[in-house]
C-alpha atoms as a PDB file:
ATOM      1  CA  MET A   1      62.936 -71.182  41.041  1.00  0.00           C
ATOM      2  CA  ILE A   2      65.087 -73.157  38.642  1.00  0.00           C
ATOM      3  CA  THR A   3      68.708 -73.743  39.559  1.00  0.00           C
ATOM      4  CA  GLY A   4      71.596 -75.257  37.690  1.00  0.00           C
ATOM      5  CA  ALA A   5      74.503 -74.324  35.490  1.00  0.00           C
ATOM      6  CA  ARG A   6      72.482 -73.955  32.276  1.00  0.00           C
ATOM      7  CA  HIS A   7      69.903 -71.797  34.032  1.00  0.00           C
ATOM      8  CA  GLY A   8      72.758 -69.661  35.343  1.00  0.00           C
ATOM      9  CA  ALA A   9      74.056 -69.288  31.786  1.00  0.00           C
ATOM     10  CA  ARG A  10      70.614 -68.223  30.578  1.00  0.00           C
ATOM     11  CA  ARG A  11      70.266 -65.677  33.413  1.00  0.00           C
ATOM     12  CA  LEU A  12      73.579 -64.092  32.437  1.00  0.00           C
ATOM     13  CA  LEU A  13      72.580 -64.197  28.775  1.00  0.00           C
ATOM     14  CA  VAL A  14      69.437 -62.166  29.444  1.00  0.00           C
ATOM     15  CA  GLN A  15      71.606 -59.493  31.011  1.00  0.00           C
ATOM     16  CA  ALA A  16      74.264 -59.626  28.292  1.00  0.00           C
ATOM     17  CA  LEU A  17      71.707 -59.520  25.471  1.00  0.00           C
ATOM     18  CA  TYR A  18      69.874 -56.635  27.102  1.00  0.00           C
ATOM     19  CA  GLN A  19      73.171 -54.763  27.255  1.00  0.00           C
ATOM     20  CA  HIS A  20      73.888 -55.678  23.636  1.00  0.00           C
ATOM     21  CA  GLN A  21      70.608 -54.073  22.563  1.00  0.00           C
ATOM     22  CA  ILE A  22      71.060 -50.941  24.671  1.00  0.00           C
ATOM     23  CA  SER A  23      74.770 -50.267  24.074  1.00  0.00           C
ATOM     24  CA  ALA A  24      75.557 -52.290  20.925  1.00  0.00           C
ATOM     25  CA  SER A  25      78.311 -54.170  22.777  1.00  0.00           C
ATOM     26  CA  ASP A  26      79.775 -56.917  20.616  1.00  0.00           C
ATOM     27  CA  ALA A  27      80.139 -60.580  21.565  1.00  0.00           C
ATOM     28  CA  PRO A  28      83.842 -60.434  22.581  1.00  0.00           C
ATOM     29  CA  ALA A  29      83.247 -57.452  24.890  1.00  0.00           C
ATOM     30  CA  LEU A  30      80.209 -59.110  26.458  1.00  0.00           C
ATOM     31  CA  ARG A  31      82.054 -62.416  26.810  1.00  0.00           C
ATOM     32  CA  ASP A  32      84.920 -60.705  28.636  1.00  0.00           C
ATOM     33  CA  GLN A  33      82.657 -58.650  30.862  1.00  0.00           C
ATOM     34  CA  PHE A  34      80.357 -61.480  31.920  1.00  0.00           C
ATOM     35  CA  ALA A  35      83.197 -63.988  32.404  1.00  0.00           C
ATOM     36  CA  GLU A  36      84.330 -61.648  35.206  1.00  0.00           C
ATOM     37  CA  SER A  37      80.891 -61.712  36.869  1.00  0.00           C
ATOM     38  CA  ASN A  38      80.571 -63.308  40.306  1.00  0.00           C
ATOM     39  CA  ASP A  39      77.699 -65.437  38.979  1.00  0.00           C
ATOM     40  CA  PHE A  40      79.751 -66.830  36.095  1.00  0.00           C
ATOM     41  CA  SER A  41      81.364 -69.529  38.240  1.00  0.00           C
ATOM     42  CA  LYS A  42      77.889 -71.000  38.872  1.00  0.00           C
ATOM     43  CA  ALA A  43      76.949 -70.923  35.191  1.00  0.00           C
ATOM     44  CA  ASP A  44      77.689 -73.260  32.300  1.00  0.00           C
ATOM     45  CA  GLY A  45      80.296 -70.996  30.723  1.00  0.00           C
ATOM     46  CA  ASP A  46      80.609 -72.963  27.495  1.00  0.00           C
ATOM     47  CA  TYR A  47      76.851 -72.811  26.959  1.00  0.00           C
ATOM     48  CA  PHE A  48      76.822 -69.072  27.720  1.00  0.00           C
ATOM     49  CA  PHE A  49      79.623 -68.442  25.206  1.00  0.00           C
ATOM     50  CA  ALA A  50      78.033 -70.621  22.515  1.00  0.00           C
ATOM     51  CA  LEU A  51      74.588 -69.001  22.750  1.00  0.00           C
ATOM     52  CA  LEU A  52      76.042 -65.511  23.040  1.00  0.00           C
ATOM     53  CA  GLU A  53      77.981 -65.968  19.791  1.00  0.00           C
ATOM     54  CA  GLU A  54      75.017 -67.542  17.980  1.00  0.00           C
ATOM     55  CA  ILE A  55      72.622 -64.796  19.011  1.00  0.00           C
ATOM     56  CA  VAL A  56      74.810 -61.697  18.697  1.00  0.00           C
ATOM     57  CA  ASN A  57      76.297 -62.785  15.373  1.00  0.00           C
ATOM     58  CA  ASP A  58      72.954 -63.395  13.632  1.00  0.00           C
ATOM     59  CA  PRO A  59      69.963 -61.898  15.467  1.00  0.00           C
ATOM     60  CA  ALA A  60      68.070 -61.340  12.182  1.00  0.00           C
ATOM     61  CA  VAL A  61      67.371 -65.075  11.836  1.00  0.00           C
ATOM     62  CA  LEU A  62      65.979 -65.147  15.373  1.00  0.00           C
ATOM     63  CA  ASP A  63      63.957 -61.970  14.830  1.00  0.00           C
ATOM     64  CA  GLU A  64      62.409 -63.512  11.724  1.00  0.00           C
ATOM     65  CA  ARG A  65      61.232 -66.545  13.746  1.00  0.00           C
ATOM     66  CA  ILE A  66      59.913 -64.319  16.542  1.00  0.00           C
ATOM     67  CA  ASP A  67      58.155 -62.071  14.037  1.00  0.00           C
ATOM     68  CA  ALA A  68      56.229 -65.053  12.667  1.00  0.00           C
ATOM     69  CA  PHE A  69      54.447 -65.466  16.027  1.00  0.00           C
ATOM     70  CA  ALA A  70      54.473 -61.961  17.511  1.00  0.00           C
ATOM     71  CA  ASP A  71      51.579 -59.505  17.440  1.00  0.00           C
ATOM     72  CA  ARG A  72      53.869 -56.540  16.761  1.00  0.00           C
ATOM     73  CA  PRO A  73      57.157 -55.839  14.984  1.00  0.00           C
ATOM     74  CA  VAL A  74      60.160 -57.291  16.810  1.00  0.00           C
ATOM     75  CA  SER A  75      61.633 -53.798  17.083  1.00  0.00           C
ATOM     76  CA  GLN A  76      58.704 -52.886  19.369  1.00  0.00           C
ATOM     77  CA  ILE A  77      59.228 -55.779  21.771  1.00  0.00           C
ATOM     78  CA  ASP A  78      60.704 -54.799  25.130  1.00  0.00           C
ATOM     79  CA  PRO A  79      64.480 -55.459  25.185  1.00  0.00           C
ATOM     80  CA  VAL A  80      64.199 -57.862  28.137  1.00  0.00           C
ATOM     81  CA  GLU A  81      61.484 -59.883  26.431  1.00  0.00           C
ATOM     82  CA  ARG A  82      63.435 -59.821  23.174  1.00  0.00           C
ATOM     83  CA  ALA A  83      66.549 -61.129  24.960  1.00  0.00           C
ATOM     84  CA  VAL A  84      64.538 -63.971  26.497  1.00  0.00           C
ATOM     85  CA  LEU A  85      62.937 -64.751  23.139  1.00  0.00           C
ATOM     86  CA  TRP A  86      66.322 -64.743  21.380  1.00  0.00           C
ATOM     87  CA  ILE A  87      67.602 -67.316  23.867  1.00  0.00           C
ATOM     88  CA  GLY A  88      64.510 -69.494  23.496  1.00  0.00           C
ATOM     89  CA  VAL A  89      64.431 -69.384  19.698  1.00  0.00           C
ATOM     90  CA  ALA A  90      68.197 -69.996  19.466  1.00  0.00           C
ATOM     91  CA  GLU A  91      67.817 -73.058  21.653  1.00  0.00           C
ATOM     92  CA  LEU A  92      64.845 -74.325  19.643  1.00  0.00           C
ATOM     93  CA  LEU A  93      66.704 -73.879  16.356  1.00  0.00           C
ATOM     94  CA  SER A  94      70.242 -74.913  17.242  1.00  0.00           C
ATOM     95  CA  HIS A  95      70.117 -77.052  20.379  1.00  0.00           C
ATOM     96  CA  PRO A  96      67.926 -80.105  19.763  1.00  0.00           C
ATOM     97  CA  GLU A  97      69.433 -81.724  22.874  1.00  0.00           C
ATOM     98  CA  VAL A  98      67.290 -79.328  24.946  1.00  0.00           C
ATOM     99  CA  PRO A  99      63.645 -80.443  24.901  1.00  0.00           C
ATOM    100  CA  PRO A 100      61.213 -77.723  23.742  1.00  0.00           C
ATOM    101  CA  LYS A 101      59.332 -77.989  27.054  1.00  0.00           C
ATOM    102  CA  VAL A 102      62.530 -77.129  28.916  1.00  0.00           C
ATOM    103  CA  VAL A 103      63.284 -74.217  26.565  1.00  0.00           C
ATOM    104  CA  ILE A 104      59.810 -72.754  27.095  1.00  0.00           C
ATOM    105  CA  ASN A 105      59.805 -73.315  30.856  1.00  0.00           C
ATOM    106  CA  GLU A 106      63.213 -71.676  31.238  1.00  0.00           C
ATOM    107  CA  ALA A 107      62.137 -68.702  29.122  1.00  0.00           C
ATOM    108  CA  VAL A 108      58.949 -68.251  31.126  1.00  0.00           C
ATOM    109  CA  GLU A 109      60.950 -68.288  34.371  1.00  0.00           C
ATOM    110  CA  LEU A 110      63.417 -65.738  32.994  1.00  0.00           C
ATOM    111  CA  ALA A 111      60.565 -63.490  31.839  1.00  0.00           C
ATOM    112  CA  LYS A 112      59.002 -63.703  35.302  1.00  0.00           C
ATOM    113  CA  GLU A 113      62.324 -62.812  36.901  1.00  0.00           C
ATOM    114  CA  PHE A 114      63.489 -60.029  34.585  1.00  0.00           C
ATOM    115  CA  GLY A 115      60.496 -58.919  32.528  1.00  0.00           C
ATOM    116  CA  ALA A 116      57.361 -56.883  33.023  1.00  0.00           C
ATOM    117  CA  GLU A 117      54.459 -58.294  35.020  1.00  0.00           C
ATOM    118  CA  ASP A 118      52.785 -60.425  32.332  1.00  0.00           C
ATOM    119  CA  SER A 119      55.676 -60.740  29.920  1.00  0.00           C
ATOM    120  CA  HIS A 120      55.970 -64.447  30.695  1.00  0.00           C
ATOM    121  CA  ARG A 121      52.618 -65.061  28.980  1.00  0.00           C
ATOM    122  CA  TYR A 122      53.759 -63.275  25.838  1.00  0.00           C
ATOM    123  CA  VAL A 123      57.062 -65.174  25.812  1.00  0.00           C
ATOM    124  CA  ASN A 124      55.223 -68.456  26.370  1.00  0.00           C
ATOM    125  CA  ALA A 125      52.841 -67.856  23.466  1.00  0.00           C
ATOM    126  CA  ILE A 126      55.586 -66.952  20.992  1.00  0.00           C
ATOM    127  CA  LEU A 127      57.884 -69.827  21.949  1.00  0.00           C
ATOM    128  CA  ASP A 128      55.008 -72.302  21.981  1.00  0.00           C
ATOM    129  CA  GLY A 129      54.225 -71.320  18.388  1.00  0.00           C
ATOM    130  CA  ALA A 130      57.890 -71.497  17.398  1.00  0.00           C
ATOM    131  CA  ALA A 131      58.301 -74.921  19.046  1.00  0.00           C
ATOM    132  CA  LYS A 132      55.259 -76.361  17.258  1.00  0.00           C
ATOM    133  CA  ASP A 133      56.364 -74.879  13.951  1.00  0.00           C
ATOM    134  CA  ARG A 134      59.849 -76.354  14.364  1.00  0.00           C
ATOM    135  CA  ARG A 135      58.610 -79.906  13.946  1.00  0.00           C
END
């Protein structure tokens, strides 16, 4: 199990992005709701806010990158897996300070924790392709 403030931010992001997909909550509403969470104090709040804004404000760019490596339309990807993939692709595209290996490992751990039984393999394959293509 990975611990740390950035991992905590990513865990909350999976939940917030899942909610965004299910209820169409916007970034300010999600920011307010999750800032009140008990787990928020253990998370890197600035990182959570930054990624939340990046992802919610322009998911089409992320979906396009995911679509390039997925075996089905992004709209058919499970919302949990899609949330994890959004986080991973956003980090690969906009956060070069985070090594691709770390991005992929974190995403795999999140998929194991929140996703379906073998979703971590699917997430790993897509992000591995996106990381290699990024260079």
